[in-house]
N, C-alpha and C. Protein backbone atom coordinates (compact mmCIF):
# COMPACT_ATOMS: atom_id res chain seq x y z
N MET A 1 -34.52 -67.55 -1.06
CA MET A 1 -33.38 -66.60 -0.47
C MET A 1 -33.73 -65.84 0.67
N PHE A 2 -33.43 -65.75 1.73
CA PHE A 2 -33.75 -65.08 2.98
C PHE A 2 -32.53 -64.02 2.33
N PRO A 3 -33.33 -62.20 2.33
CA PRO A 3 -32.42 -61.30 2.05
C PRO A 3 -31.78 -60.50 3.24
N LEU A 4 -30.40 -60.66 3.19
CA LEU A 4 -29.86 -59.92 4.05
C LEU A 4 -29.24 -58.77 3.75
N LYS A 5 -29.26 -57.14 4.42
CA LYS A 5 -28.69 -56.20 3.78
C LYS A 5 -27.08 -55.99 4.19
N ALA A 6 -26.24 -55.69 4.00
CA ALA A 6 -25.19 -54.83 4.56
C ALA A 6 -25.04 -54.06 5.89
N ASP A 7 -26.16 -53.63 6.09
CA ASP A 7 -26.47 -52.71 6.93
C ASP A 7 -26.66 -54.01 8.20
N ASP A 8 -27.86 -54.15 7.84
CA ASP A 8 -28.19 -55.60 9.06
C ASP A 8 -26.92 -56.71 9.49
N VAL A 9 -26.15 -56.93 8.83
CA VAL A 9 -24.51 -57.68 9.50
C VAL A 9 -23.92 -56.75 9.80
N SER A 10 -23.34 -55.54 9.86
CA SER A 10 -22.95 -54.87 10.46
C SER A 10 -23.48 -54.37 11.53
N GLU A 11 -24.80 -54.58 11.73
CA GLU A 11 -25.50 -53.98 13.27
C GLU A 11 -25.30 -55.47 13.91
N ILE A 12 -25.50 -56.61 13.71
CA ILE A 12 -25.41 -57.40 14.29
C ILE A 12 -23.96 -58.24 14.62
N ALA A 13 -22.71 -57.87 13.88
CA ALA A 13 -21.83 -58.14 14.10
C ALA A 13 -20.31 -57.30 14.86
N GLY A 14 -20.96 -55.96 14.81
CA GLY A 14 -20.04 -54.50 15.15
C GLY A 14 -18.55 -55.18 14.11
N LEU A 15 -19.02 -54.89 12.86
CA LEU A 15 -18.08 -54.38 12.36
C LEU A 15 -17.15 -53.55 12.00
N GLU A 16 -17.45 -52.60 12.80
CA GLU A 16 -16.96 -50.90 12.74
C GLU A 16 -15.17 -50.73 12.42
N GLY A 17 -15.01 -52.13 13.31
CA GLY A 17 -13.21 -52.20 13.63
C GLY A 17 -12.81 -52.44 12.84
N LEU A 18 -13.33 -53.44 11.83
CA LEU A 18 -12.47 -53.96 9.97
C LEU A 18 -11.79 -52.38 9.35
N SER A 19 -11.07 -53.48 8.84
CA SER A 19 -11.03 -52.36 7.37
C SER A 19 -12.65 -52.97 5.58
N PRO A 20 -13.09 -51.99 4.91
CA PRO A 20 -13.76 -52.61 4.08
C PRO A 20 -13.38 -53.62 3.73
N HIS A 21 -12.31 -54.23 3.41
CA HIS A 21 -12.54 -55.45 3.15
C HIS A 21 -12.39 -56.43 3.97
N GLY A 22 -11.93 -56.69 4.95
CA GLY A 22 -12.55 -57.53 6.22
C GLY A 22 -13.95 -57.22 6.21
N GLN A 23 -14.30 -56.31 6.15
CA GLN A 23 -15.89 -56.53 6.71
C GLN A 23 -16.69 -56.68 5.66
N ASP A 24 -16.01 -56.91 4.35
CA ASP A 24 -16.77 -57.45 2.89
C ASP A 24 -16.47 -59.07 3.27
N VAL A 25 -15.69 -59.40 3.55
CA VAL A 25 -15.59 -60.92 3.45
C VAL A 25 -15.87 -61.66 4.76
N LEU A 26 -16.13 -60.58 6.23
CA LEU A 26 -16.62 -61.01 7.01
C LEU A 26 -18.16 -61.67 6.57
N GLY A 27 -18.63 -60.17 6.64
CA GLY A 27 -19.71 -59.61 5.68
C GLY A 27 -20.63 -60.97 5.17
N ASN A 28 -19.67 -61.24 4.56
CA ASN A 28 -19.86 -62.46 3.08
C ASN A 28 -20.68 -63.59 4.15
N LYS A 29 -19.29 -64.04 4.75
CA LYS A 29 -19.49 -65.01 5.44
C LYS A 29 -20.90 -65.39 6.63
N GLN A 30 -20.81 -64.03 7.02
CA GLN A 30 -22.13 -64.20 7.97
C GLN A 30 -23.36 -64.25 7.24
N ARG A 31 -23.95 -63.39 5.83
CA ARG A 31 -25.11 -63.70 5.85
C ARG A 31 -25.00 -65.07 4.85
N MET A 32 -23.56 -65.75 4.45
CA MET A 32 -23.76 -66.87 3.94
C MET A 32 -24.45 -68.11 4.99
N ALA A 33 -23.86 -68.05 6.56
CA ALA A 33 -24.03 -68.59 7.80
C ALA A 33 -26.04 -68.03 7.64
N ALA A 34 -26.36 -67.17 7.53
CA ALA A 34 -27.99 -66.67 8.48
C ALA A 34 -28.56 -67.65 6.87
N ARG A 35 -28.09 -67.28 5.85
CA ARG A 35 -28.55 -68.37 4.95
C ARG A 35 -28.99 -69.83 5.17
N ILE A 36 -27.97 -70.20 5.95
CA ILE A 36 -27.60 -71.70 6.05
C ILE A 36 -29.22 -71.93 7.08
N LEU A 37 -29.02 -71.28 8.07
CA LEU A 37 -29.85 -70.97 9.78
C LEU A 37 -30.97 -71.07 9.61
N PHE A 38 -31.42 -70.15 8.04
CA PHE A 38 -32.19 -69.30 7.90
C PHE A 38 -33.48 -71.30 7.14
N TYR A 39 -33.12 -71.71 5.96
CA TYR A 39 -32.65 -72.69 5.59
C TYR A 39 -33.52 -74.05 6.32
N SER A 40 -32.55 -74.24 7.38
CA SER A 40 -32.48 -75.17 8.64
C SER A 40 -34.04 -75.55 9.25
N CYS A 41 -34.24 -74.11 9.73
CA CYS A 41 -35.44 -73.85 10.22
C CYS A 41 -36.10 -73.89 9.80
N MET A 42 -36.08 -73.61 8.21
CA MET A 42 -37.24 -73.48 7.48
C MET A 42 -37.45 -75.56 6.76
N LEU A 43 -36.68 -75.71 7.21
CA LEU A 43 -37.01 -77.01 6.78
C LEU A 43 -37.30 -78.11 7.74
N ASP A 44 -37.03 -77.98 9.10
CA ASP A 44 -36.90 -77.81 10.59
C ASP A 44 -38.82 -77.69 10.33
N ASP A 45 -39.67 -76.97 10.35
CA ASP A 45 -41.07 -76.40 10.94
C ASP A 45 -40.75 -75.22 9.69
N PRO A 46 -41.38 -75.87 8.57
CA PRO A 46 -41.99 -74.15 7.44
C PRO A 46 -42.91 -73.45 8.23
N ILE A 47 -43.96 -73.86 9.56
CA ILE A 47 -44.62 -72.73 9.62
C ILE A 47 -44.44 -71.80 10.95
N LYS A 48 -43.16 -72.76 11.26
CA LYS A 48 -42.60 -71.80 12.70
C LYS A 48 -40.89 -71.67 12.47
N GLY A 49 -40.83 -71.44 10.99
CA GLY A 49 -39.27 -71.83 10.60
C GLY A 49 -39.04 -70.11 10.66
N PRO A 50 -39.85 -68.89 10.63
CA PRO A 50 -40.08 -67.82 10.52
C PRO A 50 -39.13 -67.51 11.59
N ASN A 51 -40.15 -67.71 12.36
CA ASN A 51 -40.31 -67.32 14.17
C ASN A 51 -39.00 -68.22 14.97
N ARG A 52 -39.21 -68.79 14.82
CA ARG A 52 -37.50 -69.74 15.58
C ARG A 52 -35.84 -69.23 14.79
N PHE A 53 -35.79 -68.52 13.32
CA PHE A 53 -35.21 -68.08 12.83
C PHE A 53 -34.75 -66.93 13.87
N ALA A 54 -35.93 -65.94 13.67
CA ALA A 54 -36.00 -65.11 14.61
C ALA A 54 -35.61 -64.82 16.19
N SER A 55 -35.67 -66.05 16.56
CA SER A 55 -35.47 -66.21 17.84
C SER A 55 -33.40 -66.68 18.52
N ILE A 56 -33.71 -67.26 17.26
CA ILE A 56 -32.06 -67.76 16.81
C ILE A 56 -31.20 -66.61 16.99
N ILE A 57 -31.54 -65.82 16.29
CA ILE A 57 -30.62 -64.51 16.03
C ILE A 57 -30.78 -62.89 16.55
N ALA A 58 -31.85 -63.22 17.72
CA ALA A 58 -32.01 -62.52 18.71
C ALA A 58 -31.39 -62.78 20.62
N VAL A 59 -30.46 -64.17 20.55
CA VAL A 59 -29.84 -64.25 21.30
C VAL A 59 -28.44 -63.95 20.58
N ASN A 60 -28.12 -63.75 20.26
CA ASN A 60 -26.63 -63.26 19.19
C ASN A 60 -26.92 -61.98 19.98
N PRO A 61 -26.62 -60.81 20.17
CA PRO A 61 -26.24 -59.75 21.17
C PRO A 61 -26.08 -60.13 22.58
N SER A 62 -26.69 -61.30 23.51
CA SER A 62 -26.47 -61.21 24.34
C SER A 62 -25.42 -61.64 24.96
N MET A 63 -25.16 -63.23 23.57
CA MET A 63 -24.24 -63.65 23.76
C MET A 63 -22.78 -63.00 23.76
N ASN A 64 -22.56 -61.78 22.70
CA ASN A 64 -21.56 -61.07 22.52
C ASN A 64 -21.00 -60.24 23.58
N ARG A 65 -22.35 -60.11 24.54
CA ARG A 65 -22.02 -58.92 25.61
C ARG A 65 -21.49 -59.88 26.27
N GLN A 66 -21.99 -61.25 26.70
CA GLN A 66 -21.75 -62.26 27.92
C GLN A 66 -20.41 -62.16 27.35
N MET A 67 -19.92 -63.12 26.42
CA MET A 67 -18.06 -62.99 25.71
C MET A 67 -17.51 -62.50 26.79
N VAL A 68 -17.90 -60.95 26.40
CA VAL A 68 -17.19 -59.24 26.38
C VAL A 68 -16.94 -59.43 27.83
N THR A 69 -18.07 -59.48 28.40
CA THR A 69 -17.60 -59.64 30.35
C THR A 69 -17.16 -60.75 30.58
N THR A 70 -17.14 -61.51 30.01
CA THR A 70 -15.86 -62.55 30.97
C THR A 70 -14.81 -62.71 30.35
N LYS A 71 -14.34 -62.29 28.97
CA LYS A 71 -13.05 -61.44 28.67
C LYS A 71 -12.68 -61.07 29.71
N ARG A 72 -13.32 -59.75 30.38
CA ARG A 72 -12.84 -58.54 30.83
C ARG A 72 -12.88 -59.02 32.08
N MET A 73 -13.21 -59.97 32.65
CA MET A 73 -13.51 -60.48 34.25
C MET A 73 -11.84 -61.27 34.40
N ASP A 74 -11.69 -61.79 33.33
CA ASP A 74 -10.96 -63.14 33.49
C ASP A 74 -9.51 -61.90 33.20
N VAL A 75 -9.61 -61.15 32.45
CA VAL A 75 -7.89 -60.27 32.60
C VAL A 75 -7.97 -59.37 33.56
N GLU A 76 -9.14 -59.23 33.94
CA GLU A 76 -8.52 -58.30 35.79
C GLU A 76 -8.39 -58.82 36.88
N LEU A 77 -9.23 -60.48 36.58
CA LEU A 77 -8.78 -60.80 38.14
C LEU A 77 -7.57 -61.65 37.88
N ARG A 78 -6.94 -61.81 36.44
CA ARG A 78 -5.35 -61.77 36.34
C ARG A 78 -4.87 -61.11 36.96
N ARG A 79 -5.20 -59.87 36.11
CA ARG A 79 -4.19 -58.82 36.44
C ARG A 79 -3.82 -58.74 38.40
N MET A 80 -5.05 -58.50 38.83
CA MET A 80 -5.26 -58.93 40.47
C MET A 80 -4.31 -59.79 41.38
N GLY A 81 -3.84 -60.73 40.32
CA GLY A 81 -3.74 -62.49 40.95
C GLY A 81 -4.00 -63.02 41.26
N LEU A 82 -5.66 -63.36 41.01
CA LEU A 82 -6.91 -64.04 41.59
C LEU A 82 -6.82 -65.04 40.49
N SER A 83 -7.37 -66.00 40.95
CA SER A 83 -7.57 -67.45 40.31
C SER A 83 -9.12 -67.25 40.63
N PHE A 84 -9.47 -67.79 39.17
CA PHE A 84 -11.44 -68.21 39.22
C PHE A 84 -11.11 -68.72 38.50
N TYR A 85 -12.58 -70.11 38.64
CA TYR A 85 -13.03 -71.04 37.67
C TYR A 85 -13.92 -70.59 36.48
N ILE A 86 -13.25 -70.64 35.98
CA ILE A 86 -14.48 -70.40 33.99
C ILE A 86 -14.80 -71.73 33.70
N PRO A 87 -15.85 -72.04 33.67
CA PRO A 87 -16.08 -72.83 32.61
C PRO A 87 -15.40 -73.39 31.43
N LYS A 88 -15.02 -74.37 30.47
CA LYS A 88 -14.45 -74.58 29.36
C LYS A 88 -15.52 -74.26 28.66
N VAL A 89 -16.37 -74.37 28.51
CA VAL A 89 -16.95 -73.96 27.18
C VAL A 89 -17.66 -72.39 27.27
N LEU A 90 -17.05 -71.75 28.36
CA LEU A 90 -16.84 -70.50 27.90
C LEU A 90 -16.01 -69.93 27.49
N SER A 91 -14.25 -70.38 28.00
CA SER A 91 -13.30 -70.39 28.36
C SER A 91 -13.14 -70.34 26.63
N GLU A 92 -13.44 -71.47 25.68
CA GLU A 92 -13.43 -71.71 24.80
C GLU A 92 -13.83 -70.93 23.61
N SER A 93 -15.45 -70.54 24.32
CA SER A 93 -15.94 -69.60 22.68
C SER A 93 -15.67 -68.28 23.69
N CYS A 94 -14.96 -67.86 24.09
CA CYS A 94 -14.28 -66.40 24.55
C CYS A 94 -13.06 -66.29 23.95
N ALA A 95 -12.55 -67.00 23.69
CA ALA A 95 -11.33 -67.42 23.33
C ALA A 95 -9.87 -66.68 23.99
N MET A 96 -10.56 -67.55 25.43
CA MET A 96 -9.59 -66.92 26.49
C MET A 96 -8.05 -67.84 26.55
N ASN A 97 -6.94 -67.42 25.85
CA ASN A 97 -6.01 -68.55 26.16
C ASN A 97 -4.89 -67.68 26.45
N GLU A 98 -3.57 -68.06 27.15
CA GLU A 98 -2.50 -67.03 27.29
C GLU A 98 -2.04 -66.10 26.15
N GLU A 99 -2.35 -66.58 24.63
CA GLU A 99 -1.82 -66.05 23.82
C GLU A 99 -3.13 -64.49 23.33
N ASN A 100 -4.20 -65.05 24.01
CA ASN A 100 -5.07 -63.63 23.42
C ASN A 100 -5.40 -62.72 24.63
N LEU A 101 -4.85 -63.00 25.18
CA LEU A 101 -4.29 -61.76 26.66
C LEU A 101 -3.59 -61.21 26.99
N GLU A 102 -3.74 -59.89 26.39
CA GLU A 102 -2.56 -59.01 26.93
C GLU A 102 -2.71 -57.92 28.28
N ILE A 103 -1.83 -58.25 29.28
CA ILE A 103 -1.62 -58.57 30.90
C ILE A 103 -0.15 -57.47 31.23
N LYS A 104 -1.04 -56.30 30.80
CA LYS A 104 0.30 -55.38 30.68
C LYS A 104 1.51 -55.19 32.24
N ASP A 105 0.56 -55.00 32.79
CA ASP A 105 1.16 -54.97 34.15
C ASP A 105 -0.10 -55.63 35.66
N LYS A 106 0.84 -56.31 35.97
CA LYS A 106 -0.03 -57.38 37.12
C LYS A 106 -0.11 -57.14 38.03
N LYS A 107 0.48 -56.43 38.52
CA LYS A 107 0.21 -55.25 40.10
C LYS A 107 -1.14 -54.61 39.72
N GLU A 108 -1.90 -53.98 38.92
CA GLU A 108 -2.49 -52.77 38.70
C GLU A 108 -4.09 -53.75 38.47
N ASP A 109 -4.89 -53.11 39.54
CA ASP A 109 -6.35 -53.96 39.56
C ASP A 109 -7.23 -53.24 38.71
N CYS A 110 -8.70 -53.66 38.74
CA CYS A 110 -9.49 -52.99 37.32
C CYS A 110 -9.47 -51.65 37.46
N ARG A 111 -9.20 -51.45 38.64
CA ARG A 111 -9.56 -49.39 38.96
C ARG A 111 -7.94 -48.60 38.31
N GLY A 112 -6.75 -49.17 38.10
CA GLY A 112 -5.46 -48.53 37.53
C GLY A 112 -4.92 -48.75 39.09
N LEU A 113 -5.39 -48.97 40.31
CA LEU A 113 -4.67 -49.27 41.33
C LEU A 113 -3.49 -49.95 41.71
N VAL A 114 -2.48 -49.80 42.57
CA VAL A 114 -1.90 -51.01 42.99
C VAL A 114 -2.78 -51.65 43.57
N SER A 115 -2.29 -52.85 43.47
CA SER A 115 -2.95 -53.92 44.27
C SER A 115 -2.48 -54.35 45.49
N GLN A 116 -2.92 -54.58 46.72
CA GLN A 116 -2.34 -54.65 48.25
C GLN A 116 -2.27 -55.91 48.05
N LYS A 117 -0.90 -56.77 47.97
CA LYS A 117 -0.72 -58.11 47.72
C LYS A 117 -0.54 -58.49 49.47
């Protein structure tokens, strides 16, 4: 069994904004997913499995940064009244839809200044 400590999970996922109960629930789900991924890597190739698992886990921070950057870019472009094509795979993975976006003032651009239209 692959041991994951609570500290490891909170560092990976950035759980600091959740309630303690929410952190426990999400942490348990992440530990379960990590164990399944580890077992899958080990079943596929017992010798290279741990390295493969580490490589997959190492991609997570980059993916999270890309998700945040893509969401911010989409919100700011919408505020400026510009349209920009974001591939479906990125918009789905970043949960970018009208319900999830909070655009308070469409006249305001990313620097807080009034856009010249």
